[in-house]
C-alpha atoms as a PDB file:
ATOM      1  CA  MET A   1      13.730  -5.828   3.542  1.00  0.00           C
ATOM      2  CA  LEU A   2      10.357  -7.396   4.397  1.00  0.00           C
ATOM      3  CA  PRO A   3       8.988  -4.164   5.935  1.00  0.00           C
ATOM      4  CA  HIS A   4       9.695  -2.350   2.664  1.00  0.00           C
ATOM      5  CA  LEU A   5       7.786  -4.956   0.722  1.00  0.00           C
ATOM      6  CA  ILE A   6       4.890  -4.714   3.102  1.00  0.00           C
ATOM      7  CA  ALA A   7       4.837  -0.962   2.800  1.00  0.00           C
ATOM      8  CA  PHE A   8       4.506  -1.283  -0.907  1.00  0.00           C
ATOM      9  CA  CYS A   9       1.400  -3.416  -0.540  1.00  0.00           C
ATOM     10  CA  LEU A  10      -0.104  -1.039   1.920  1.00  0.00           C
ATOM     11  CA  VAL A  11       0.194   1.802  -0.510  1.00  0.00           C
ATOM     12  CA  ILE A  12      -1.695  -0.131  -3.117  1.00  0.00           C
ATOM     13  CA  GLY A  13      -4.461  -0.872  -0.707  1.00  0.00           C
ATOM     14  CA  ALA A  14      -4.732   2.769   0.229  1.00  0.00           C
ATOM     15  CA  THR A  15      -5.958   3.659  -3.183  1.00  0.00           C
ATOM     16  CA  LEU A  16      -8.760   1.176  -3.024  1.00  0.00           C
ATOM     17  CA  SER A  17     -12.125   2.103  -1.646  1.00  0.00           C
ATOM     18  CA  ALA A  18     -12.935   1.886   2.041  1.00  0.00           C
ATOM     19  CA  GLY A  19     -14.323  -1.362   3.354  1.00  0.00           C
ATOM     20  CA  PHE A  20     -11.863  -3.655   1.623  1.00  0.00           C
ATOM     21  CA  GLU A  21      -9.574  -5.411   4.029  1.00  0.00           C
ATOM     22  CA  ALA A  22      -6.891  -8.065   4.075  1.00  0.00           C
ATOM     23  CA  GLN A  23      -8.403 -10.741   6.240  1.00  0.00           C
ATOM     24  CA  ALA A  24      -6.259 -12.518   8.821  1.00  0.00           C
ATOM     25  CA  ALA A  25      -8.163 -15.730   8.100  1.00  0.00           C
ATOM     26  CA  ASP A  26      -7.162 -15.872   4.429  1.00  0.00           C
ATOM     27  CA  ASP A  27      -4.544 -18.304   3.130  1.00  0.00           C
ATOM     28  CA  LEU A  28      -2.012 -15.616   2.219  1.00  0.00           C
ATOM     29  CA  ILE A  29       1.234 -15.184   4.090  1.00  0.00           C
ATOM     30  CA  GLY A  30       2.674 -11.708   4.273  1.00  0.00           C
ATOM     31  CA  ALA A  31       2.686  -8.363   6.001  1.00  0.00           C
ATOM     32  CA  VAL A  32      -0.561  -6.515   6.676  1.00  0.00           C
ATOM     33  CA  TRP A  33      -0.556  -2.771   5.981  1.00  0.00           C
ATOM     34  CA  GLU A  34      -3.128  -0.143   6.868  1.00  0.00           C
ATOM     35  CA  VAL A  35      -3.476   2.382   4.045  1.00  0.00           C
ATOM     36  CA  HIS A  36      -4.367   6.031   4.680  1.00  0.00           C
ATOM     37  CA  MET A  37      -5.051   8.626   1.993  1.00  0.00           C
ATOM     38  CA  GLN A  38      -5.057  12.379   2.407  1.00  0.00           C
ATOM     39  CA  VAL A  39      -8.486  14.010   2.350  1.00  0.00           C
ATOM     40  CA  PRO A  40      -8.401  16.807  -0.266  1.00  0.00           C
ATOM     41  CA  GLY A  41      -8.291  20.304   1.202  1.00  0.00           C
ATOM     42  CA  THR A  42      -7.903  19.194   4.818  1.00  0.00           C
ATOM     43  CA  GLY A  43      -4.344  17.949   5.192  1.00  0.00           C
ATOM     44  CA  LYS A  44      -5.754  15.071   7.248  1.00  0.00           C
ATOM     45  CA  PHE A  45      -5.421  11.390   6.401  1.00  0.00           C
ATOM     46  CA  ARG A  46      -8.249   8.824   6.480  1.00  0.00           C
ATOM     47  CA  LYS A  47      -7.949   5.045   6.726  1.00  0.00           C
ATOM     48  CA  ARG A  48      -8.955   3.509   3.402  1.00  0.00           C
ATOM     49  CA  CYS A  49      -8.186  -0.210   3.608  1.00  0.00           C
ATOM     50  CA  LEU A  50      -5.868  -3.021   4.630  1.00  0.00           C
ATOM     51  CA  VAL A  51      -3.640  -4.835   2.169  1.00  0.00           C
ATOM     52  CA  ARG A  52      -1.276  -7.772   2.359  1.00  0.00           C
ATOM     53  CA  CYS A  53       2.137  -7.830   0.711  1.00  0.00           C
ATOM     54  CA  THR A  54       4.024 -11.052   0.175  1.00  0.00           C
ATOM     55  CA  THR A  55       7.758 -11.589   0.158  1.00  0.00           C
ATOM     56  CA  ASP A  56       7.648 -12.540  -3.541  1.00  0.00           C
ATOM     57  CA  GLY A  57       6.464  -9.039  -4.536  1.00  0.00           C
ATOM     58  CA  LYS A  58       2.691  -9.513  -4.812  1.00  0.00           C
ATOM     59  CA  VAL A  59       0.042  -7.184  -3.386  1.00  0.00           C
ATOM     60  CA  PHE A  60      -3.365  -8.522  -2.311  1.00  0.00           C
ATOM     61  CA  LEU A  61      -6.692  -7.013  -1.361  1.00  0.00           C
ATOM     62  CA  ASN A  62      -9.415  -9.366  -0.085  1.00  0.00           C
ATOM     63  CA  ALA A  63      -7.248 -12.321  -1.163  1.00  0.00           C
ATOM     64  CA  LYS A  64      -7.227 -11.017  -4.768  1.00  0.00           C
ATOM     65  CA  GLU A  65      -3.904 -10.126  -6.363  1.00  0.00           C
ATOM     66  CA  VAL A  66      -4.089  -6.466  -7.416  1.00  0.00           C
ATOM     67  CA  GLY A  67      -0.467  -5.625  -8.193  1.00  0.00           C
ATOM     68  CA  THR A  68       3.219  -5.931  -7.433  1.00  0.00           C
ATOM     69  CA  HIS A  69       5.788  -4.154  -5.323  1.00  0.00           C
ATOM     70  CA  THR A  70       9.533  -3.659  -5.670  1.00  0.00           C
ATOM     71  CA  ASN A  71      12.009  -2.281  -3.174  1.00  0.00           C
ATOM     72  CA  THR A  72      13.995   0.323  -5.091  1.00  0.00           C
ATOM     73  CA  SER A  73      16.367   0.768  -2.102  1.00  0.00           C
ATOM     74  CA  SER A  74      16.375   0.010   1.625  1.00  0.00           C
ATOM     75  CA  GLU A  75      14.382   3.229   2.108  1.00  0.00           C
ATOM     76  CA  THR A  76      12.036   3.310  -0.921  1.00  0.00           C
ATOM     77  CA  VAL A  77       9.466   1.118  -2.634  1.00  0.00           C
ATOM     78  CA  ASP A  78       7.459   1.238  -5.864  1.00  0.00           C
ATOM     79  CA  VAL A  79       4.020  -0.348  -6.096  1.00  0.00           C
ATOM     80  CA  ASN A  80       2.293  -0.998  -9.409  1.00  0.00           C
ATOM     81  CA  ILE A  81      -1.476  -1.612  -9.235  1.00  0.00           C
ATOM     82  CA  THR A  82      -2.763  -3.241 -12.404  1.00  0.00           C
ATOM     83  CA  ASN A  83      -5.753  -5.360 -11.384  1.00  0.00           C
ATOM     84  CA  ALA A  84      -8.051  -2.816  -9.729  1.00  0.00           C
ATOM     85  CA  PRO A  85      -9.487  -0.817 -12.665  1.00  0.00           C
ATOM     86  CA  ARG A  86     -10.520   2.368 -10.834  1.00  0.00           C
ATOM     87  CA  PHE A  87      -7.298   2.379  -8.849  1.00  0.00           C
ATOM     88  CA  ASN A  88      -4.646   1.327 -11.322  1.00  0.00           C
ATOM     89  CA  GLY A  89      -1.507   3.396 -10.994  1.00  0.00           C
ATOM     90  CA  VAL A  90       1.900   3.674  -9.368  1.00  0.00           C
ATOM     91  CA  ILE A  91       2.805   4.340  -5.763  1.00  0.00           C
ATOM     92  CA  LYS A  92       6.197   5.611  -4.702  1.00  0.00           C
ATOM     93  CA  ALA A  93       6.823   5.551  -0.956  1.00  0.00           C
ATOM     94  CA  ARG A  94       9.676   6.242   1.443  1.00  0.00           C
ATOM     95  CA  LYS A  95      10.322   4.831   4.908  1.00  0.00           C
ATOM     96  CA  VAL A  96       9.778   7.488   7.584  1.00  0.00           C
ATOM     97  CA  ALA A  97      10.096   5.566  10.859  1.00  0.00           C
ATOM     98  CA  ARG A  98      13.390   3.830  11.626  1.00  0.00           C
ATOM     99  CA  ASN A  99      11.515   0.706  12.679  1.00  0.00           C
ATOM    100  CA  GLY A 100       9.906   0.498   9.197  1.00  0.00           C
ATOM    101  CA  LYS A 101       6.336   0.783  10.459  1.00  0.00           C
ATOM    102  CA  LEU A 102       5.496   4.129   8.801  1.00  0.00           C
ATOM    103  CA  TRP A 103       5.933   5.008   5.130  1.00  0.00           C
ATOM    104  CA  THR A 104       4.756   8.059   3.215  1.00  0.00           C
ATOM    105  CA  GLY A 105       4.486   8.720  -0.477  1.00  0.00           C
ATOM    106  CA  GLN A 106       2.442   9.617  -3.496  1.00  0.00           C
ATOM    107  CA  TYR A 107      -0.058   7.603  -5.481  1.00  0.00           C
ATOM    108  CA  THR A 108      -0.255   8.517  -9.146  1.00  0.00           C
ATOM    109  CA  PHE A 109      -3.397   7.047 -10.667  1.00  0.00           C
ATOM    110  CA  ALA A 110      -3.544   5.938 -14.310  1.00  0.00           C
ATOM    111  CA  ASN A 111      -5.620   9.064 -15.108  1.00  0.00           C
ATOM    112  CA  GLY A 112      -2.845  11.324 -13.740  1.00  0.00           C
ATOM    113  CA  THR A 113      -4.503  12.202 -10.413  1.00  0.00           C
ATOM    114  CA  LYS A 114      -2.043  12.289  -7.489  1.00  0.00           C
ATOM    115  CA  LYS A 115      -2.763  11.704  -3.798  1.00  0.00           C
ATOM    116  CA  ALA A 116      -0.590  11.656  -0.688  1.00  0.00           C
ATOM    117  CA  ILE A 117      -0.618   8.364   1.230  1.00  0.00           C
ATOM    118  CA  ARG A 118       0.618   6.847   4.479  1.00  0.00           C
ATOM    119  CA  LEU A 119       1.283   3.176   5.068  1.00  0.00           C
ATOM    120  CA  ILE A 120       1.292   1.730   8.564  1.00  0.00           C
ATOM    121  CA  LEU A 121       2.634  -1.775   9.208  1.00  0.00           C
ATOM    122  CA  LEU A 122       0.207  -3.688  11.436  1.00  0.00           C
ATOM    123  CA  LYS A 123       1.591  -7.226  11.172  1.00  0.00           C
ATOM    124  CA  ASP A 124       4.862  -8.483   9.763  1.00  0.00           C
END
């Protein structure tokens, strides 16, 4: 259950610009996710950021709450980013690896743009 929640947070962080990271020294407790977004026209994914997801459904970037996440099943998660103006939108992701460390999905931005994402669990 916790890996799904963490994956949700990672997806949110993926949409945010590069250089933002969830710092290990912050006061937040939760899973740390590395967010990768697909580079248009290449099929390759690039690391965009780190995010932290808490067990109470909150998503943080640089210790700032940027959204929420909800496990829709044991295999899927929805992330709603509402406090990152350029990156507000909804992420829908599905667990790929049995161990819960890799999730893939789609980020639909508030303006309708869609991007493929990957979430990688770094710390639970």
